[in-house]
Amino acid sequence: MEEKDVYNLLEQLKNGEVEKITIKKEEFLQFRKYLVERNDFKYFRGIALRGGDVAYTYLSTPRS
């Protein structure tokens, strides 16, 4: 997963174009590397799914 792909997915989620995105277990570390670099990182919430995948949503207020 490349940086531009991660950026596009996160922007779609932030802009409300999609309700959630699911990241496969194999892509998680690479995805997270780009996610934590964002200024709005705390607005994204990841929920672990069975099998190691993670579903991300965008919050209206940042996590603490």
PDB file of N, CA and C in Angstrom:
ATOM      1  N   MET A   1       0.842  -1.167   0.000  1.00  0.00           N
ATOM      2  CA  MET A   1       0.000   0.000   0.000  1.00  0.00           C
ATOM      3  C   MET A   1       0.893   1.238   0.000  1.00  0.00           C
ATOM      4  N   GLU A   2       0.681   2.116  -0.969  1.00  0.00           N
ATOM      5  CA  GLU A   2       1.511   3.298  -1.119  1.00  0.00           C
ATOM      6  C   GLU A   2       0.905   4.495  -0.401  1.00  0.00           C
ATOM      7  N   GLU A   3       1.727   5.481  -0.164  1.00  0.00           N
ATOM      8  CA  GLU A   3       1.291   6.665   0.572  1.00  0.00           C
ATOM      9  C   GLU A   3       0.099   7.349  -0.100  1.00  0.00           C
ATOM     10  N   LYS A   4       0.116   7.465  -1.416  1.00  0.00           N
ATOM     11  CA  LYS A   4      -0.993   8.138  -2.116  1.00  0.00           C
ATOM     12  C   LYS A   4      -2.297   7.359  -1.968  1.00  0.00           C
ATOM     13  N   ASP A   5      -2.224   6.029  -1.926  1.00  0.00           N
ATOM     14  CA  ASP A   5      -3.418   5.204  -1.732  1.00  0.00           C
ATOM     15  C   ASP A   5      -3.999   5.426  -0.330  1.00  0.00           C
ATOM     16  N   VAL A   6      -3.120   5.454   0.664  1.00  0.00           N
ATOM     17  CA  VAL A   6      -3.547   5.682   2.043  1.00  0.00           C
ATOM     18  C   VAL A   6      -4.152   7.076   2.161  1.00  0.00           C
ATOM     19  N   TYR A   7      -3.497   8.060   1.593  1.00  0.00           N
ATOM     20  CA  TYR A   7      -3.993   9.435   1.635  1.00  0.00           C
ATOM     21  C   TYR A   7      -5.393   9.521   1.025  1.00  0.00           C
ATOM     22  N   ASN A   8      -5.591   8.902  -0.132  1.00  0.00           N
ATOM     23  CA  ASN A   8      -6.903   8.941  -0.786  1.00  0.00           C
ATOM     24  C   ASN A   8      -7.976   8.268   0.069  1.00  0.00           C
ATOM     25  N   LEU A   9      -7.675   7.122   0.646  1.00  0.00           N
ATOM     26  CA  LEU A   9      -8.635   6.431   1.501  1.00  0.00           C
ATOM     27  C   LEU A   9      -9.015   7.284   2.711  1.00  0.00           C
ATOM     28  N   LEU A  10      -8.016   7.875   3.348  1.00  0.00           N
ATOM     29  CA  LEU A  10      -8.268   8.673   4.542  1.00  0.00           C
ATOM     30  C   LEU A  10      -9.039   9.951   4.216  1.00  0.00           C
ATOM     31  N   GLU A  11      -8.755  10.549   3.085  1.00  0.00           N
ATOM     32  CA  GLU A  11      -9.495  11.746   2.677  1.00  0.00           C
ATOM     33  C   GLU A  11     -10.951  11.416   2.356  1.00  0.00           C
ATOM     34  N   GLN A  12     -11.200  10.276   1.718  1.00  0.00           N
ATOM     35  CA  GLN A  12     -12.574   9.854   1.444  1.00  0.00           C
ATOM     36  C   GLN A  12     -13.341   9.658   2.745  1.00  0.00           C
ATOM     37  N   LEU A  13     -12.691   9.061   3.713  1.00  0.00           N
ATOM     38  CA  LEU A  13     -13.314   8.836   5.017  1.00  0.00           C
ATOM     39  C   LEU A  13     -13.575  10.168   5.728  1.00  0.00           C
ATOM     40  N   LYS A  14     -12.608  11.040   5.711  1.00  0.00           N
ATOM     41  CA  LYS A  14     -12.727  12.349   6.366  1.00  0.00           C
ATOM     42  C   LYS A  14     -13.838  13.183   5.729  1.00  0.00           C
ATOM     43  N   ASN A  15     -13.945  13.143   4.421  1.00  0.00           N
ATOM     44  CA  ASN A  15     -14.922  13.959   3.700  1.00  0.00           C
ATOM     45  C   ASN A  15     -16.315  13.348   3.668  1.00  0.00           C
ATOM     46  N   GLY A  16     -16.475  12.175   4.265  1.00  0.00           N
ATOM     47  CA  GLY A  16     -17.784  11.538   4.314  1.00  0.00           C
ATOM     48  C   GLY A  16     -18.188  10.811   3.046  1.00  0.00           C
ATOM     49  N   GLU A  17     -17.264  10.626   2.139  1.00  0.00           N
ATOM     50  CA  GLU A  17     -17.554   9.902   0.900  1.00  0.00           C
ATOM     51  C   GLU A  17     -17.792   8.417   1.181  1.00  0.00           C
ATOM     52  N   VAL A  18     -17.132   7.903   2.212  1.00  0.00           N
ATOM     53  CA  VAL A  18     -17.349   6.532   2.678  1.00  0.00           C
ATOM     54  C   VAL A  18     -17.539   6.573   4.189  1.00  0.00           C
ATOM     55  N   GLU A  19     -18.310   5.635   4.715  1.00  0.00           N
ATOM     56  CA  GLU A  19     -18.600   5.602   6.147  1.00  0.00           C
ATOM     57  C   GLU A  19     -17.473   4.964   6.945  1.00  0.00           C
ATOM     58  N   LYS A  20     -16.841   3.940   6.359  1.00  0.00           N
ATOM     59  CA  LYS A  20     -15.724   3.279   7.021  1.00  0.00           C
ATOM     60  C   LYS A  20     -14.833   2.630   5.975  1.00  0.00           C
ATOM     61  N   ILE A  21     -13.598   2.384   6.376  1.00  0.00           N
ATOM     62  CA  ILE A  21     -12.669   1.644   5.523  1.00  0.00           C
ATOM     63  C   ILE A  21     -12.130   0.477   6.336  1.00  0.00           C
ATOM     64  N   THR A  22     -11.901  -0.624   5.661  1.00  0.00           N
ATOM     65  CA  THR A  22     -11.359  -1.814   6.318  1.00  0.00           C
ATOM     66  C   THR A  22      -9.977  -2.084   5.751  1.00  0.00           C
ATOM     67  N   ILE A  23      -9.025  -2.204   6.654  1.00  0.00           N
ATOM     68  CA  ILE A  23      -7.634  -2.458   6.284  1.00  0.00           C
ATOM     69  C   ILE A  23      -7.299  -3.899   6.643  1.00  0.00           C
ATOM     70  N   LYS A  24      -6.754  -4.608   5.676  1.00  0.00           N
ATOM     71  CA  LYS A  24      -6.373  -6.004   5.888  1.00  0.00           C
ATOM     72  C   LYS A  24      -5.175  -6.100   6.834  1.00  0.00           C
ATOM     73  N   LYS A  25      -5.126  -7.191   7.536  1.00  0.00           N
ATOM     74  CA  LYS A  25      -4.062  -7.467   8.506  1.00  0.00           C
ATOM     75  C   LYS A  25      -2.678  -7.268   7.884  1.00  0.00           C
ATOM     76  N   GLU A  26      -2.511  -7.723   6.657  1.00  0.00           N
ATOM     77  CA  GLU A  26      -1.218  -7.668   5.986  1.00  0.00           C
ATOM     78  C   GLU A  26      -0.794  -6.229   5.658  1.00  0.00           C
ATOM     79  N   GLU A  27      -1.753  -5.321   5.518  1.00  0.00           N
ATOM     80  CA  GLU A  27      -1.465  -3.936   5.134  1.00  0.00           C
ATOM     81  C   GLU A  27      -1.454  -2.986   6.322  1.00  0.00           C
ATOM     82  N   PHE A  28      -1.801  -3.478   7.504  1.00  0.00           N
ATOM     83  CA  PHE A  28      -1.996  -2.610   8.662  1.00  0.00           C
ATOM     84  C   PHE A  28      -0.775  -1.776   9.019  1.00  0.00           C
ATOM     85  N   LEU A  29       0.377  -2.364   9.162  1.00  0.00           N
ATOM     86  CA  LEU A  29       1.566  -1.627   9.606  1.00  0.00           C
ATOM     87  C   LEU A  29       1.947  -0.534   8.621  1.00  0.00           C
ATOM     88  N   GLN A  30       1.861  -0.838   7.350  1.00  0.00           N
ATOM     89  CA  GLN A  30       2.190   0.150   6.333  1.00  0.00           C
ATOM     90  C   GLN A  30       1.151   1.280   6.337  1.00  0.00           C
ATOM     91  N   PHE A  31      -0.120   0.930   6.477  1.00  0.00           N
ATOM     92  CA  PHE A  31      -1.193   1.915   6.540  1.00  0.00           C
ATOM     93  C   PHE A  31      -1.022   2.820   7.758  1.00  0.00           C
ATOM     94  N   ARG A  32      -0.777   2.226   8.901  1.00  0.00           N
ATOM     95  CA  ARG A  32      -0.666   2.979  10.157  1.00  0.00           C
ATOM     96  C   ARG A  32       0.503   3.953  10.129  1.00  0.00           C
ATOM     97  N   LYS A  33       1.567   3.575   9.461  1.00  0.00           N
ATOM     98  CA  LYS A  33       2.744   4.437   9.339  1.00  0.00           C
ATOM     99  C   LYS A  33       2.345   5.805   8.767  1.00  0.00           C
ATOM    100  N   TYR A  34       1.486   5.815   7.763  1.00  0.00           N
ATOM    101  CA  TYR A  34       1.046   7.065   7.153  1.00  0.00           C
ATOM    102  C   TYR A  34      -0.060   7.731   7.973  1.00  0.00           C
ATOM    103  N   LEU A  35      -0.888   6.945   8.600  1.00  0.00           N
ATOM    104  CA  LEU A  35      -1.986   7.490   9.397  1.00  0.00           C
ATOM    105  C   LEU A  35      -1.473   8.335  10.562  1.00  0.00           C
ATOM    106  N   VAL A  36      -0.495   7.834  11.300  1.00  0.00           N
ATOM    107  CA  VAL A  36      -0.014   8.544  12.491  1.00  0.00           C
ATOM    108  C   VAL A  36       0.734   9.833  12.153  1.00  0.00           C
ATOM    109  N   GLU A  37       1.121  10.023  10.906  1.00  0.00           N
ATOM    110  CA  GLU A  37       1.809  11.244  10.495  1.00  0.00           C
ATOM    111  C   GLU A  37       0.841  12.405  10.261  1.00  0.00           C
ATOM    112  N   ARG A  38      -0.449  12.112  10.184  1.00  0.00           N
ATOM    113  CA  ARG A  38      -1.451  13.138   9.896  1.00  0.00           C
ATOM    114  C   ARG A  38      -1.732  14.013  11.117  1.00  0.00           C
ATOM    115  N   ASN A  39      -2.031  15.281  10.860  1.00  0.00           N
ATOM    116  CA  ASN A  39      -2.384  16.207  11.942  1.00  0.00           C
ATOM    117  C   ASN A  39      -3.709  15.830  12.585  1.00  0.00           C
ATOM    118  N   ASP A  40      -4.617  15.228  11.812  1.00  0.00           N
ATOM    119  CA  ASP A  40      -5.937  14.862  12.330  1.00  0.00           C
ATOM    120  C   ASP A  40      -6.007  13.387  12.747  1.00  0.00           C
ATOM    121  N   PHE A  41      -4.872  12.823  13.094  1.00  0.00           N
ATOM    122  CA  PHE A  41      -4.771  11.411  13.463  1.00  0.00           C
ATOM    123  C   PHE A  41      -5.790  11.012  14.533  1.00  0.00           C
ATOM    124  N   LYS A  42      -6.021  11.853  15.517  1.00  0.00           N
ATOM    125  CA  LYS A  42      -6.898  11.499  16.641  1.00  0.00           C
ATOM    126  C   LYS A  42      -8.377  11.472  16.268  1.00  0.00           C
ATOM    127  N   TYR A  43      -8.718  11.893  15.073  1.00  0.00           N
ATOM    128  CA  TYR A  43     -10.111  11.841  14.628  1.00  0.00           C
ATOM    129  C   TYR A  43     -10.461  10.470  14.033  1.00  0.00           C
ATOM    130  N   PHE A  44      -9.453   9.679  13.744  1.00  0.00           N
ATOM    131  CA  PHE A  44      -9.680   8.354  13.170  1.00  0.00           C
ATOM    132  C   PHE A  44      -9.750   7.323  14.287  1.00  0.00           C
ATOM    133  N   ARG A  45     -10.773   6.476  14.230  1.00  0.00           N
ATOM    134  CA  ARG A  45     -10.911   5.414  15.236  1.00  0.00           C
ATOM    135  C   ARG A  45     -10.836   4.078  14.523  1.00  0.00           C
ATOM    136  N   GLY A  46      -9.919   3.233  14.978  1.00  0.00           N
ATOM    137  CA  GLY A  46      -9.772   1.897  14.430  1.00  0.00           C
ATOM    138  C   GLY A  46     -10.359   0.863  15.373  1.00  0.00           C
ATOM    139  N   ILE A  47     -11.142  -0.041  14.818  1.00  0.00           N
ATOM    140  CA  ILE A  47     -11.744  -1.114  15.608  1.00  0.00           C
ATOM    141  C   ILE A  47     -11.252  -2.439  15.044  1.00  0.00           C
ATOM    142  N   ALA A  48     -10.624  -3.229  15.907  1.00  0.00           N
ATOM    143  CA  ALA A  48     -10.092  -4.523  15.484  1.00  0.00           C
ATOM    144  C   ALA A  48     -11.230  -5.478  15.141  1.00  0.00           C
ATOM    145  N   LEU A  49     -11.063  -6.177  14.050  1.00  0.00           N
ATOM    146  CA  LEU A  49     -12.036  -7.170  13.612  1.00  0.00           C
ATOM    147  C   LEU A  49     -11.451  -8.557  13.772  1.00  0.00           C
ATOM    148  N   ARG A  50     -12.305  -9.521  13.784  1.00  0.00           N
ATOM    149  CA  ARG A  50     -11.858 -10.909  13.867  1.00  0.00           C
ATOM    150  C   ARG A  50     -10.965 -11.224  12.668  1.00  0.00           C
ATOM    151  N   GLY A  51      -9.863 -11.853  12.926  1.00  0.00           N
ATOM    152  CA  GLY A  51      -8.934 -12.220  11.858  1.00  0.00           C
ATOM    153  C   GLY A  51      -7.797 -11.234  11.678  1.00  0.00           C
ATOM    154  N   GLY A  52      -7.817 -10.123  12.427  1.00  0.00           N
ATOM    155  CA  GLY A  52      -6.709  -9.183  12.368  1.00  0.00           C
ATOM    156  C   GLY A  52      -6.929  -7.953  11.512  1.00  0.00           C
ATOM    157  N   ASP A  53      -8.049  -7.857  10.806  1.00  0.00           N
ATOM    158  CA  ASP A  53      -8.341  -6.663  10.021  1.00  0.00           C
ATOM    159  C   ASP A  53      -8.781  -5.543  10.960  1.00  0.00           C
ATOM    160  N   VAL A  54      -8.730  -4.301  10.465  1.00  0.00           N
ATOM    161  CA  VAL A  54      -9.123  -3.145  11.269  1.00  0.00           C
ATOM    162  C   VAL A  54     -10.071  -2.274  10.460  1.00  0.00           C
ATOM    163  N   ALA A  55     -11.195  -1.886  11.071  1.00  0.00           N
ATOM    164  CA  ALA A  55     -12.163  -0.993  10.435  1.00  0.00           C
ATOM    165  C   ALA A  55     -11.976   0.396  11.017  1.00  0.00           C
ATOM    166  N   TYR A  56     -11.802   1.393  10.153  1.00  0.00           N
ATOM    167  CA  TYR A  56     -11.602   2.770  10.583  1.00  0.00           C
ATOM    168  C   TYR A  56     -12.828   3.610  10.266  1.00  0.00           C
ATOM    169  N   THR A  57     -13.170   4.490  11.212  1.00  0.00           N
ATOM    170  CA  THR A  57     -14.208   5.484  11.013  1.00  0.00           C
ATOM    171  C   THR A  57     -13.610   6.842  11.355  1.00  0.00           C
ATOM    172  N   TYR A  58     -14.316   7.909  10.951  1.00  0.00           N
ATOM    173  CA  TYR A  58     -13.852   9.263  11.246  1.00  0.00           C
ATOM    174  C   TYR A  58     -14.796   9.881  12.255  1.00  0.00           C
ATOM    175  N   LEU A  59     -14.247  10.436  13.329  1.00  0.00           N
ATOM    176  CA  LEU A  59     -15.031  11.012  14.415  1.00  0.00           C
ATOM    177  C   LEU A  59     -15.198  12.511  14.248  1.00  0.00           C
ATOM    178  N   SER A  60     -16.261  13.061  14.800  1.00  0.00           N
ATOM    179  CA  SER A  60     -16.476  14.501  14.740  1.00  0.00           C
ATOM    180  C   SER A  60     -15.636  15.236  15.793  1.00  0.00           C
ATOM    181  N   THR A  61     -15.257  14.534  16.861  1.00  0.00           N
ATOM    182  CA  THR A  61     -14.368  15.102  17.873  1.00  0.00           C
ATOM    183  C   THR A  61     -13.179  14.163  18.058  1.00  0.00           C
ATOM    184  N   PRO A  62     -12.012  14.703  18.375  1.00  0.00           N
ATOM    185  CA  PRO A  62     -10.826  13.851  18.503  1.00  0.00           C
ATOM    186  C   PRO A  62     -10.878  12.947  19.737  1.00  0.00           C
ATOM    187  N   ARG A  63     -10.217  11.802  19.609  1.00  0.00           N
ATOM    188  CA  ARG A  63     -10.059  10.912  20.762  1.00  0.00           C
ATOM    189  C   ARG A  63      -9.163  11.595  21.779  1.00  0.00           C
ATOM    190  N   SER A  64      -9.265  11.190  23.011  1.00  0.00           N
ATOM    191  CA  SER A  64      -8.401  11.796  24.041  1.00  0.00           C
ATOM    192  C   SER A  64      -7.069  11.086  24.108  1.00  0.00           C
TER     193      SER A  64
END
